[in-house]
Amino acid sequence: MELIQQTAELKQDLDELKVRYEANNPPETMNDTTFFLDMKAATEPIYSRLEEWETAALDVIKNRKINVHPHQIASTRENMELLILHSYYIDARRKRYMELNHSSHFIFDQLQRALTNH
């Protein structure tokens, strides 16, 4: 199923973003245009995947009885968008970053299990 694959790809993106965050290479200044443009180019595919995933997940939830709620899908997208920015700008405390990361993984895993068992 395509949604399972999309979810797996986003989980991989999450792991790669975490590695980037832990490498701790923030820009010299927050106004670094080159850094921003490089980040935008690098993350555009993730934002696209995330948007497609949210649409597909909400559609599946609407048409099936699975144990994931629409607000969890929307929150996961928002959390992952925050993680993208925090991974590049290193502007969140580690505890907060890890909470967002674990929360996103939890919903991705829950969705994959629900889809696999249906």
PDB file of N, CA and C in Angstrom:
ATOM      1  N   MET A   1       0.841  -1.194   0.000  1.00  0.00           N
ATOM      2  CA  MET A   1       0.000   0.000   0.000  1.00  0.00           C
ATOM      3  C   MET A   1       0.881   1.251   0.000  1.00  0.00           C
ATOM      4  N   GLU A   2       0.486   2.232  -0.743  1.00  0.00           N
ATOM      5  CA  GLU A   2       1.298   3.437  -0.898  1.00  0.00           C
ATOM      6  C   GLU A   2       1.465   4.213   0.409  1.00  0.00           C
ATOM      7  N   LEU A   3       0.434   4.284   1.232  1.00  0.00           N
ATOM      8  CA  LEU A   3       0.521   5.027   2.491  1.00  0.00           C
ATOM      9  C   LEU A   3       1.548   4.396   3.431  1.00  0.00           C
ATOM     10  N   ILE A   4       1.628   3.081   3.434  1.00  0.00           N
ATOM     11  CA  ILE A   4       2.637   2.415   4.265  1.00  0.00           C
ATOM     12  C   ILE A   4       4.031   2.818   3.804  1.00  0.00           C
ATOM     13  N   GLN A   5       4.248   2.866   2.498  1.00  0.00           N
ATOM     14  CA  GLN A   5       5.546   3.265   1.949  1.00  0.00           C
ATOM     15  C   GLN A   5       5.851   4.735   2.263  1.00  0.00           C
ATOM     16  N   GLN A   6       4.862   5.598   2.107  1.00  0.00           N
ATOM     17  CA  GLN A   6       5.052   7.016   2.428  1.00  0.00           C
ATOM     18  C   GLN A   6       5.431   7.183   3.897  1.00  0.00           C
ATOM     19  N   THR A   7       4.761   6.443   4.753  1.00  0.00           N
ATOM     20  CA  THR A   7       5.040   6.526   6.185  1.00  0.00           C
ATOM     21  C   THR A   7       6.461   6.051   6.481  1.00  0.00           C
ATOM     22  N   ALA A   8       6.875   4.977   5.839  1.00  0.00           N
ATOM     23  CA  ALA A   8       8.241   4.467   6.025  1.00  0.00           C
ATOM     24  C   ALA A   8       9.278   5.496   5.580  1.00  0.00           C
ATOM     25  N   GLU A   9       9.017   6.156   4.465  1.00  0.00           N
ATOM     26  CA  GLU A   9       9.947   7.173   3.973  1.00  0.00           C
ATOM     27  C   GLU A   9      10.031   8.358   4.943  1.00  0.00           C
ATOM     28  N   LEU A  10       8.901   8.754   5.503  1.00  0.00           N
ATOM     29  CA  LEU A  10       8.904   9.860   6.465  1.00  0.00           C
ATOM     30  C   LEU A  10       9.626   9.475   7.749  1.00  0.00           C
ATOM     31  N   LYS A  11       9.497   8.211   8.154  1.00  0.00           N
ATOM     32  CA  LYS A  11      10.244   7.748   9.332  1.00  0.00           C
ATOM     33  C   LYS A  11      11.748   7.823   9.067  1.00  0.00           C
ATOM     34  N   GLN A  12      12.140   7.471   7.854  1.00  0.00           N
ATOM     35  CA  GLN A  12      13.558   7.567   7.488  1.00  0.00           C
ATOM     36  C   GLN A  12      13.997   9.036   7.480  1.00  0.00           C
ATOM     37  N   ASP A  13      13.155   9.912   6.956  1.00  0.00           N
ATOM     38  CA  ASP A  13      13.452  11.350   6.988  1.00  0.00           C
ATOM     39  C   ASP A  13      13.639  11.826   8.424  1.00  0.00           C
ATOM     40  N   LEU A  14      12.765  11.368   9.311  1.00  0.00           N
ATOM     41  CA  LEU A  14      12.862  11.741  10.723  1.00  0.00           C
ATOM     42  C   LEU A  14      14.214  11.342  11.300  1.00  0.00           C
ATOM     43  N   ASP A  15      14.642  10.120  10.984  1.00  0.00           N
ATOM     44  CA  ASP A  15      15.926   9.639  11.492  1.00  0.00           C
ATOM     45  C   ASP A  15      17.089  10.461  10.937  1.00  0.00           C
ATOM     46  N   GLU A  16      17.009  10.813   9.663  1.00  0.00           N
ATOM     47  CA  GLU A  16      18.063  11.624   9.053  1.00  0.00           C
ATOM     48  C   GLU A  16      18.091  13.038   9.632  1.00  0.00           C
ATOM     49  N   LEU A  17      16.920  13.593   9.906  1.00  0.00           N
ATOM     50  CA  LEU A  17      16.855  14.914  10.526  1.00  0.00           C
ATOM     51  C   LEU A  17      17.458  14.888  11.927  1.00  0.00           C
ATOM     52  N   LYS A  18      17.215  13.808  12.648  1.00  0.00           N
ATOM     53  CA  LYS A  18      17.774  13.676  13.998  1.00  0.00           C
ATOM     54  C   LYS A  18      19.303  13.637  13.942  1.00  0.00           C
ATOM     55  N   VAL A  19      19.842  12.915  12.976  1.00  0.00           N
ATOM     56  CA  VAL A  19      21.300  12.863  12.808  1.00  0.00           C
ATOM     57  C   VAL A  19      21.831  14.267  12.538  1.00  0.00           C
ATOM     58  N   ARG A  20      21.143  14.988  11.695  1.00  0.00           N
ATOM     59  CA  ARG A  20      21.554  16.367  11.385  1.00  0.00           C
ATOM     60  C   ARG A  20      21.502  17.237  12.642  1.00  0.00           C
ATOM     61  N   TYR A  21      20.428  17.107  13.410  1.00  0.00           N
ATOM     62  CA  TYR A  21      20.285  17.882  14.649  1.00  0.00           C
ATOM     63  C   TYR A  21      21.441  17.575  15.604  1.00  0.00           C
ATOM     64  N   GLU A  22      21.741  16.295  15.737  1.00  0.00           N
ATOM     65  CA  GLU A  22      22.801  15.892  16.663  1.00  0.00           C
ATOM     66  C   GLU A  22      24.184  16.294  16.181  1.00  0.00           C
ATOM     67  N   ALA A  23      24.348  16.493  14.863  1.00  0.00           N
ATOM     68  CA  ALA A  23      25.631  16.966  14.332  1.00  0.00           C
ATOM     69  C   ALA A  23      25.864  18.422  14.738  1.00  0.00           C
ATOM     70  N   ASN A  24      24.769  19.136  15.023  1.00  0.00           N
ATOM     71  CA  ASN A  24      24.812  20.485  15.580  1.00  0.00           C
ATOM     72  C   ASN A  24      25.620  21.461  14.730  1.00  0.00           C
ATOM     73  N   ASN A  25      25.173  21.668  13.513  1.00  0.00           N
ATOM     74  CA  ASN A  25      25.820  22.623  12.615  1.00  0.00           C
ATOM     75  C   ASN A  25      24.861  23.753  12.240  1.00  0.00           C
ATOM     76  N   PRO A  26      24.532  24.612  13.203  1.00  0.00           N
ATOM     77  CA  PRO A  26      23.607  25.708  12.884  1.00  0.00           C
ATOM     78  C   PRO A  26      24.287  26.756  11.999  1.00  0.00           C
ATOM     79  N   PRO A  27      23.500  27.619  11.379  1.00  0.00           N
ATOM     80  CA  PRO A  27      24.095  28.689  10.560  1.00  0.00           C
ATOM     81  C   PRO A  27      24.819  29.687  11.464  1.00  0.00           C
ATOM     82  N   GLU A  28      25.751  30.409  10.867  1.00  0.00           N
ATOM     83  CA  GLU A  28      26.480  31.440  11.616  1.00  0.00           C
ATOM     84  C   GLU A  28      25.505  32.485  12.167  1.00  0.00           C
ATOM     85  N   THR A  29      24.572  32.916  11.321  1.00  0.00           N
ATOM     86  CA  THR A  29      23.540  33.858  11.752  1.00  0.00           C
ATOM     87  C   THR A  29      22.197  33.359  11.234  1.00  0.00           C
ATOM     88  N   MET A  30      21.135  33.769  11.878  1.00  0.00           N
ATOM     89  CA  MET A  30      19.797  33.353  11.451  1.00  0.00           C
ATOM     90  C   MET A  30      19.402  34.003  10.124  1.00  0.00           C
ATOM     91  N   ASN A  31      20.124  35.029   9.707  1.00  0.00           N
ATOM     92  CA  ASN A  31      19.813  35.738   8.459  1.00  0.00           C
ATOM     93  C   ASN A  31      20.654  35.264   7.286  1.00  0.00           C
ATOM     94  N   ASP A  32      21.294  34.107   7.406  1.00  0.00           N
ATOM     95  CA  ASP A  32      22.162  33.568   6.364  1.00  0.00           C
ATOM     96  C   ASP A  32      21.306  33.081   5.189  1.00  0.00           C
ATOM     97  N   THR A  33      21.251  33.883   4.140  1.00  0.00           N
ATOM     98  CA  THR A  33      20.399  33.574   2.981  1.00  0.00           C
ATOM     99  C   THR A  33      20.845  32.307   2.271  1.00  0.00           C
ATOM    100  N   THR A  34      22.135  32.114   2.109  1.00  0.00           N
ATOM    101  CA  THR A  34      22.643  30.921   1.434  1.00  0.00           C
ATOM    102  C   THR A  34      22.238  29.671   2.205  1.00  0.00           C
ATOM    103  N   PHE A  35      22.397  29.709   3.523  1.00  0.00           N
ATOM    104  CA  PHE A  35      22.003  28.577   4.359  1.00  0.00           C
ATOM    105  C   PHE A  35      20.513  28.290   4.189  1.00  0.00           C
ATOM    106  N   PHE A  36      19.701  29.337   4.228  1.00  0.00           N
ATOM    107  CA  PHE A  36      18.258  29.171   4.086  1.00  0.00           C
ATOM    108  C   PHE A  36      17.903  28.542   2.742  1.00  0.00           C
ATOM    109  N   LEU A  37      18.509  29.030   1.662  1.00  0.00           N
ATOM    110  CA  LEU A  37      18.203  28.497   0.331  1.00  0.00           C
ATOM    111  C   LEU A  37      18.656  27.039   0.203  1.00  0.00           C
ATOM    112  N   ASP A  38      19.810  26.717   0.794  1.00  0.00           N
ATOM    113  CA  ASP A  38      20.271  25.323   0.782  1.00  0.00           C
ATOM    114  C   ASP A  38      19.312  24.425   1.568  1.00  0.00           C
ATOM    115  N   MET A  39      18.876  24.929   2.734  1.00  0.00           N
ATOM    116  CA  MET A  39      17.933  24.173   3.557  1.00  0.00           C
ATOM    117  C   MET A  39      16.617  23.975   2.811  1.00  0.00           C
ATOM    118  N   LYS A  40      16.143  25.024   2.179  1.00  0.00           N
ATOM    119  CA  LYS A  40      14.875  24.951   1.452  1.00  0.00           C
ATOM    120  C   LYS A  40      14.948  23.906   0.342  1.00  0.00           C
ATOM    121  N   ALA A  41      16.048  23.910  -0.403  1.00  0.00           N
ATOM    122  CA  ALA A  41      16.212  22.934  -1.486  1.00  0.00           C
ATOM    123  C   ALA A  41      16.296  21.503  -0.939  1.00  0.00           C
ATOM    124  N   ALA A  42      16.999  21.349   0.170  1.00  0.00           N
ATOM    125  CA  ALA A  42      17.171  20.017   0.752  1.00  0.00           C
ATOM    126  C   ALA A  42      15.887  19.482   1.373  1.00  0.00           C
ATOM    127  N   THR A  43      15.047  20.359   1.885  1.00  0.00           N
ATOM    128  CA  THR A  43      13.866  19.896   2.617  1.00  0.00           C
ATOM    129  C   THR A  43      12.580  19.920   1.795  1.00  0.00           C
ATOM    130  N   GLU A  44      12.608  20.525   0.636  1.00  0.00           N
ATOM    131  CA  GLU A  44      11.403  20.593  -0.208  1.00  0.00           C
ATOM    132  C   GLU A  44      10.781  19.212  -0.448  1.00  0.00           C
ATOM    133  N   PRO A  45      11.589  18.174  -0.753  1.00  0.00           N
ATOM    134  CA  PRO A  45      10.985  16.841  -0.945  1.00  0.00           C
ATOM    135  C   PRO A  45      10.298  16.317   0.318  1.00  0.00           C
ATOM    136  N   ILE A  46      10.848  16.633   1.487  1.00  0.00           N
ATOM    137  CA  ILE A  46      10.237  16.171   2.735  1.00  0.00           C
ATOM    138  C   ILE A  46       8.883  16.853   2.930  1.00  0.00           C
ATOM    139  N   TYR A  47       8.843  18.165   2.702  1.00  0.00           N
ATOM    140  CA  TYR A  47       7.571  18.890   2.830  1.00  0.00           C
ATOM    141  C   TYR A  47       6.529  18.322   1.859  1.00  0.00           C
ATOM    142  N   SER A  48       6.946  18.001   0.640  1.00  0.00           N
ATOM    143  CA  SER A  48       6.015  17.429  -0.346  1.00  0.00           C
ATOM    144  C   SER A  48       5.507  16.066   0.109  1.00  0.00           C
ATOM    145  N   ARG A  49       6.439  15.210   0.575  1.00  0.00           N
ATOM    146  CA  ARG A  49       6.036  13.889   1.063  1.00  0.00           C
ATOM    147  C   ARG A  49       5.071  14.019   2.238  1.00  0.00           C
ATOM    148  N   LEU A  50       5.362  14.961   3.112  1.00  0.00           N
ATOM    149  CA  LEU A  50       4.538  15.165   4.299  1.00  0.00           C
ATOM    150  C   LEU A  50       3.121  15.597   3.917  1.00  0.00           C
ATOM    151  N   GLU A  51       3.029  16.481   2.955  1.00  0.00           N
ATOM    152  CA  GLU A  51       1.715  16.943   2.499  1.00  0.00           C
ATOM    153  C   GLU A  51       0.927  15.801   1.856  1.00  0.00           C
ATOM    154  N   GLU A  52       1.591  15.026   1.003  1.00  0.00           N
ATOM    155  CA  GLU A  52       0.933  13.892   0.353  1.00  0.00           C
ATOM    156  C   GLU A  52       0.519  12.845   1.386  1.00  0.00           C
ATOM    157  N   TRP A  53       1.401  12.613   2.374  1.00  0.00           N
ATOM    158  CA  TRP A  53       1.108  11.647   3.428  1.00  0.00           C
ATOM    159  C   TRP A  53      -0.127  12.070   4.224  1.00  0.00           C
ATOM    160  N   GLU A  54      -0.191  13.348   4.602  1.00  0.00           N
ATOM    161  CA  GLU A  54      -1.323  13.820   5.392  1.00  0.00           C
ATOM    162  C   GLU A  54      -2.629  13.619   4.628  1.00  0.00           C
ATOM    163  N   THR A  55      -2.653  13.979   3.363  1.00  0.00           N
ATOM    164  CA  THR A  55      -3.847  13.813   2.541  1.00  0.00           C
ATOM    165  C   THR A  55      -4.254  12.346   2.458  1.00  0.00           C
ATOM    166  N   ALA A  56      -3.288  11.479   2.176  1.00  0.00           N
ATOM    167  CA  ALA A  56      -3.579  10.043   2.054  1.00  0.00           C
ATOM    168  C   ALA A  56      -4.023   9.451   3.384  1.00  0.00           C
ATOM    169  N   ALA A  57      -3.359   9.833   4.465  1.00  0.00           N
ATOM    170  CA  ALA A  57      -3.702   9.296   5.788  1.00  0.00           C
ATOM    171  C   ALA A  57      -5.111   9.721   6.205  1.00  0.00           C
ATOM    172  N   LEU A  58      -5.422  10.985   5.997  1.00  0.00           N
ATOM    173  CA  LEU A  58      -6.768  11.459   6.352  1.00  0.00           C
ATOM    174  C   LEU A  58      -7.834  10.757   5.526  1.00  0.00           C
ATOM    175  N   ASP A  59      -7.529  10.485   4.266  1.00  0.00           N
ATOM    176  CA  ASP A  59      -8.464   9.784   3.393  1.00  0.00           C
ATOM    177  C   ASP A  59      -8.703   8.358   3.898  1.00  0.00           C
ATOM    178  N   VAL A  60      -7.625   7.678   4.275  1.00  0.00           N
ATOM    179  CA  VAL A  60      -7.743   6.309   4.783  1.00  0.00           C
ATOM    180  C   VAL A  60      -8.535   6.294   6.090  1.00  0.00           C
ATOM    181  N   ILE A  61      -8.250   7.248   6.962  1.00  0.00           N
ATOM    182  CA  ILE A  61      -8.947   7.317   8.250  1.00  0.00           C
ATOM    183  C   ILE A  61     -10.439   7.556   8.040  1.00  0.00           C
ATOM    184  N   LYS A  62     -10.757   8.416   7.085  1.00  0.00           N
ATOM    185  CA  LYS A  62     -12.160   8.730   6.809  1.00  0.00           C
ATOM    186  C   LYS A  62     -12.904   7.498   6.285  1.00  0.00           C
ATOM    187  N   ASN A  63     -12.228   6.669   5.503  1.00  0.00           N
ATOM    188  CA  ASN A  63     -12.882   5.533   4.850  1.00  0.00           C
ATOM    189  C   ASN A  63     -12.763   4.212   5.599  1.00  0.00           C
ATOM    190  N   ARG A  64     -11.964   4.176   6.662  1.00  0.00           N
ATOM    191  CA  ARG A  64     -11.780   2.948   7.414  1.00  0.00           C
ATOM    192  C   ARG A  64     -11.864   3.230   8.899  1.00  0.00           C
ATOM    193  N   LYS A  65     -12.070   2.189   9.636  1.00  0.00           N
ATOM    194  CA  LYS A  65     -12.082   2.321  11.088  1.00  0.00           C
ATOM    195  C   LYS A  65     -10.697   1.911  11.589  1.00  0.00           C
ATOM    196  N   ILE A  66      -9.801   2.862  11.720  1.00  0.00           N
ATOM    197  CA  ILE A  66      -8.496   2.551  12.294  1.00  0.00           C
ATOM    198  C   ILE A  66      -8.269   3.442  13.503  1.00  0.00           C
ATOM    199  N   ASN A  67      -7.340   3.031  14.317  1.00  0.00           N
ATOM    200  CA  ASN A  67      -7.148   3.653  15.621  1.00  0.00           C
ATOM    201  C   ASN A  67      -6.237   4.880  15.594  1.00  0.00           C
ATOM    202  N   VAL A  68      -6.349   5.677  14.589  1.00  0.00           N
ATOM    203  CA  VAL A  68      -5.609   6.937  14.507  1.00  0.00           C
ATOM    204  C   VAL A  68      -6.629   8.011  14.182  1.00  0.00           C
ATOM    205  N   HIS A  69      -6.566   9.118  14.889  1.00  0.00           N
ATOM    206  CA  HIS A  69      -7.544  10.184  14.703  1.00  0.00           C
ATOM    207  C   HIS A  69      -6.995  11.276  13.783  1.00  0.00           C
ATOM    208  N   PRO A  70      -7.878  11.959  13.074  1.00  0.00           N
ATOM    209  CA  PRO A  70      -7.431  13.015  12.156  1.00  0.00           C
ATOM    210  C   PRO A  70      -6.555  14.076  12.820  1.00  0.00           C
ATOM    211  N   HIS A  71      -6.865  14.452  14.056  1.00  0.00           N
ATOM    212  CA  HIS A  71      -6.046  15.483  14.710  1.00  0.00           C
ATOM    213  C   HIS A  71      -4.628  14.980  14.980  1.00  0.00           C
ATOM    214  N   GLN A  72      -4.460  13.653  15.152  1.00  0.00           N
ATOM    215  CA  GLN A  72      -3.118  13.105  15.343  1.00  0.00           C
ATOM    216  C   GLN A  72      -2.297  13.225  14.052  1.00  0.00           C
ATOM    217  N   ILE A  73      -2.955  13.057  12.943  1.00  0.00           N
ATOM    218  CA  ILE A  73      -2.277  13.177  11.647  1.00  0.00           C
ATOM    219  C   ILE A  73      -1.842  14.627  11.444  1.00  0.00           C
ATOM    220  N   ALA A  74      -2.748  15.570  11.677  1.00  0.00           N
ATOM    221  CA  ALA A  74      -2.426  16.989  11.514  1.00  0.00           C
ATOM    222  C   ALA A  74      -1.310  17.408  12.474  1.00  0.00           C
ATOM    223  N   SER A  75      -1.377  16.942  13.711  1.00  0.00           N
ATOM    224  CA  SER A  75      -0.340  17.283  14.692  1.00  0.00           C
ATOM    225  C   SER A  75       1.013  16.700  14.307  1.00  0.00           C
ATOM    226  N   THR A  76       0.995  15.507  13.754  1.00  0.00           N
ATOM    227  CA  THR A  76       2.252  14.873  13.341  1.00  0.00           C
ATOM    228  C   THR A  76       2.888  15.659  12.202  1.00  0.00           C
ATOM    229  N   ARG A  77       2.071  16.123  11.264  1.00  0.00           N
ATOM    230  CA  ARG A  77       2.618  16.946  10.189  1.00  0.00           C
ATOM    231  C   ARG A  77       3.235  18.229  10.768  1.00  0.00           C
ATOM    232  N   GLU A  78       2.515  18.891  11.669  1.00  0.00           N
ATOM    233  CA  GLU A  78       3.037  20.121  12.279  1.00  0.00           C
ATOM    234  C   GLU A  78       4.332  19.845  13.051  1.00  0.00           C
ATOM    235  N   ASN A  79       4.338  18.752  13.812  1.00  0.00           N
ATOM    236  CA  ASN A  79       5.537  18.405  14.575  1.00  0.00           C
ATOM    237  C   ASN A  79       6.729  18.142  13.661  1.00  0.00           C
ATOM    238  N   MET A  80       6.482  17.447  12.572  1.00  0.00           N
ATOM    239  CA  MET A  80       7.588  17.142  11.664  1.00  0.00           C
ATOM    240  C   MET A  80       8.086  18.405  10.972  1.00  0.00           C
ATOM    241  N   GLU A  81       7.186  19.324  10.654  1.00  0.00           N
ATOM    242  CA  GLU A  81       7.621  20.593  10.060  1.00  0.00           C
ATOM    243  C   GLU A  81       8.509  21.362  11.050  1.00  0.00           C
ATOM    244  N   LEU A  82       8.157  21.323  12.329  1.00  0.00           N
ATOM    245  CA  LEU A  82       9.010  21.939  13.351  1.00  0.00           C
ATOM    246  C   LEU A  82      10.363  21.240  13.416  1.00  0.00           C
ATOM    247  N   LEU A  83      10.346  19.911  13.348  1.00  0.00           N
ATOM    248  CA  LEU A  83      11.593  19.159  13.413  1.00  0.00           C
ATOM    249  C   LEU A  83      12.518  19.495  12.242  1.00  0.00           C
ATOM    250  N   ILE A  84      11.940  19.718  11.079  1.00  0.00           N
ATOM    251  CA  ILE A  84      12.754  20.086   9.913  1.00  0.00           C
ATOM    252  C   ILE A  84      13.515  21.371  10.234  1.00  0.00           C
ATOM    253  N   LEU A  85      12.799  22.376  10.697  1.00  0.00           N
ATOM    254  CA  LEU A  85      13.444  23.661  11.005  1.00  0.00           C
ATOM    255  C   LEU A  85      14.448  23.530  12.147  1.00  0.00           C
ATOM    256  N   HIS A  86      14.053  22.830  13.216  1.00  0.00           N
ATOM    257  CA  HIS A  86      14.952  22.673  14.358  1.00  0.00           C
ATOM    258  C   HIS A  86      16.203  21.876  13.985  1.00  0.00           C
ATOM    259  N   SER A  87      16.079  20.965  13.027  1.00  0.00           N
ATOM    260  CA  SER A  87      17.227  20.159  12.607  1.00  0.00           C
ATOM    261  C   SER A  87      18.274  20.990  11.891  1.00  0.00           C
ATOM    262  N   TYR A  88      17.836  22.034  11.237  1.00  0.00           N
ATOM    263  CA  TYR A  88      18.773  22.894  10.507  1.00  0.00           C
ATOM    264  C   TYR A  88      19.249  24.076  11.349  1.00  0.00           C
ATOM    265  N   TYR A  89      18.346  24.668  12.091  1.00  0.00           N
ATOM    266  CA  TYR A  89      18.703  25.873  12.851  1.00  0.00           C
ATOM    267  C   TYR A  89      19.129  25.577  14.294  1.00  0.00           C
ATOM    268  N   ILE A  90      18.964  24.342  14.717  1.00  0.00           N
ATOM    269  CA  ILE A  90      19.371  23.905  16.064  1.00  0.00           C
ATOM    270  C   ILE A  90      18.895  24.918  17.109  1.00  0.00           C
ATOM    271  N   ASP A  91      17.606  25.233  17.056  1.00  0.00           N
ATOM    272  CA  ASP A  91      17.062  26.270  17.941  1.00  0.00           C
ATOM    273  C   ASP A  91      16.026  25.722  18.919  1.00  0.00           C
ATOM    274  N   ALA A  92      16.115  24.436  19.203  1.00  0.00           N
ATOM    275  CA  ALA A  92      15.232  23.838  20.205  1.00  0.00           C
ATOM    276  C   ALA A  92      16.091  23.036  21.177  1.00  0.00           C
ATOM    277  N   ARG A  93      15.668  23.013  22.415  1.00  0.00           N
ATOM    278  CA  ARG A  93      16.382  22.201  23.403  1.00  0.00           C
ATOM    279  C   ARG A  93      16.263  20.732  23.026  1.00  0.00           C
ATOM    280  N   ARG A  94      17.267  19.961  23.384  1.00  0.00           N
ATOM    281  CA  ARG A  94      17.301  18.547  23.034  1.00  0.00           C
ATOM    282  C   ARG A  94      16.046  17.812  23.528  1.00  0.00           C
ATOM    283  N   LYS A  95      15.620  18.091  24.749  1.00  0.00           N
ATOM    284  CA  LYS A  95      14.444  17.413  25.313  1.00  0.00           C
ATOM    285  C   LYS A  95      13.207  17.666  24.448  1.00  0.00           C
ATOM    286  N   ARG A  96      12.986  18.900  24.065  1.00  0.00           N
ATOM    287  CA  ARG A  96      11.833  19.257  23.229  1.00  0.00           C
ATOM    288  C   ARG A  96      11.944  18.586  21.859  1.00  0.00           C
ATOM    289  N   TYR A  97      13.137  18.619  21.296  1.00  0.00           N
ATOM    290  CA  TYR A  97      13.351  18.000  19.991  1.00  0.00           C
ATOM    291  C   TYR A  97      13.013  16.508  20.052  1.00  0.00           C
ATOM    292  N   MET A  98      13.515  15.843  21.067  1.00  0.00           N
ATOM    293  CA  MET A  98      13.287  14.400  21.196  1.00  0.00           C
ATOM    294  C   MET A  98      11.807  14.083  21.444  1.00  0.00           C
ATOM    295  N   GLU A  99      11.115  14.943  22.182  1.00  0.00           N
ATOM    296  CA  GLU A  99       9.677  14.741  22.391  1.00  0.00           C
ATOM    297  C   GLU A  99       8.923  14.800  21.063  1.00  0.00           C
ATOM    298  N   LEU A 100       9.248  15.786  20.241  1.00  0.00           N
ATOM    299  CA  LEU A 100       8.602  15.902  18.927  1.00  0.00           C
ATOM    300  C   LEU A 100       8.945  14.699  18.049  1.00  0.00           C
ATOM    301  N   ASN A 101      10.201  14.284  18.095  1.00  0.00           N
ATOM    302  CA  ASN A 101      10.666  13.153  17.293  1.00  0.00           C
ATOM    303  C   ASN A 101       9.940  11.877  17.718  1.00  0.00           C
ATOM    304  N   HIS A 102       9.897  11.605  19.016  1.00  0.00           N
ATOM    305  CA  HIS A 102       9.248  10.387  19.512  1.00  0.00           C
ATOM    306  C   HIS A 102       7.746  10.409  19.223  1.00  0.00           C
ATOM    307  N   SER A 103       7.129  11.563  19.381  1.00  0.00           N
ATOM    308  CA  SER A 103       5.706  11.694  19.107  1.00  0.00           C
ATOM    309  C   SER A 103       5.402  11.376  17.638  1.00  0.00           C
ATOM    310  N   SER A 104       6.222  11.909  16.741  1.00  0.00           N
ATOM    311  CA  SER A 104       6.028  11.645  15.308  1.00  0.00           C
ATOM    312  C   SER A 104       6.224  10.165  14.996  1.00  0.00           C
ATOM    313  N   HIS A 105       7.288   9.580  15.529  1.00  0.00           N
ATOM    314  CA  HIS A 105       7.530   8.146  15.313  1.00  0.00           C
ATOM    315  C   HIS A 105       6.362   7.313  15.854  1.00  0.00           C
ATOM    316  N   PHE A 106       5.842   7.693  17.005  1.00  0.00           N
ATOM    317  CA  PHE A 106       4.739   6.950  17.611  1.00  0.00           C
ATOM    318  C   PHE A 106       3.540   6.905  16.668  1.00  0.00           C
ATOM    319  N   ILE A 107       3.157   8.044  16.128  1.00  0.00           N
ATOM    320  CA  ILE A 107       1.994   8.093  15.226  1.00  0.00           C
ATOM    321  C   ILE A 107       2.291   7.349  13.928  1.00  0.00           C
ATOM    322  N   PHE A 108       3.503   7.518  13.375  1.00  0.00           N
ATOM    323  CA  PHE A 108       3.857   6.773  12.162  1.00  0.00           C
ATOM    324  C   PHE A 108       3.755   5.266  12.412  1.00  0.00           C
ATOM    325  N   ASP A 109       4.298   4.807  13.550  1.00  0.00           N
ATOM    326  CA  ASP A 109       4.249   3.377  13.883  1.00  0.00           C
ATOM    327  C   ASP A 109       2.811   2.905  14.089  1.00  0.00           C
ATOM    328  N   GLN A 110       2.027   3.713  14.784  1.00  0.00           N
ATOM    329  CA  GLN A 110       0.624   3.363  15.041  1.00  0.00           C
ATOM    330  C   GLN A 110      -0.141   3.240  13.714  1.00  0.00           C
ATOM    331  N   LEU A 111       0.100   4.165  12.813  1.00  0.00           N
ATOM    332  CA  LEU A 111      -0.570   4.133  11.513  1.00  0.00           C
ATOM    333  C   LEU A 111      -0.137   2.905  10.714  1.00  0.00           C
ATOM    334  N   GLN A 112       1.153   2.616  10.707  1.00  0.00           N
ATOM    335  CA  GLN A 112       1.636   1.442   9.966  1.00  0.00           C
ATOM    336  C   GLN A 112       1.032   0.167  10.520  1.00  0.00           C
ATOM    337  N   ARG A 113       0.974   0.033  11.844  1.00  0.00           N
ATOM    338  CA  ARG A 113       0.368  -1.157  12.443  1.00  0.00           C
ATOM    339  C   ARG A 113      -1.108  -1.266  12.062  1.00  0.00           C
ATOM    340  N   ALA A 114      -1.825  -0.157  12.127  1.00  0.00           N
ATOM    341  CA  ALA A 114      -3.261  -0.177  11.801  1.00  0.00           C
ATOM    342  C   ALA A 114      -3.478  -0.579  10.345  1.00  0.00           C
ATOM    343  N   LEU A 115      -2.638  -0.082   9.458  1.00  0.00           N
ATOM    344  CA  LEU A 115      -2.788  -0.399   8.042  1.00  0.00           C
ATOM    345  C   LEU A 115      -2.415  -1.867   7.752  1.00  0.00           C
ATOM    346  N   THR A 116      -1.413  -2.341   8.441  1.00  0.00           N
ATOM    347  CA  THR A 116      -0.955  -3.725   8.232  1.00  0.00           C
ATOM    348  C   THR A 116      -1.981  -4.729   8.758  1.00  0.00           C
ATOM    349  N   ASN A 117      -2.647  -4.374   9.851  1.00  0.00           N
ATOM    350  CA  ASN A 117      -3.606  -5.296  10.473  1.00  0.00           C
ATOM    351  C   ASN A 117      -5.010  -5.217   9.861  1.00  0.00           C
ATOM    352  N   HIS A 118      -5.215  -4.314   8.923  1.00  0.00           N
ATOM    353  CA  HIS A 118      -6.544  -4.214   8.309  1.00  0.00           C
ATOM    354  C   HIS A 118      -6.584  -4.868   6.967  1.00  0.00           C
TER     355      HIS A 118
END
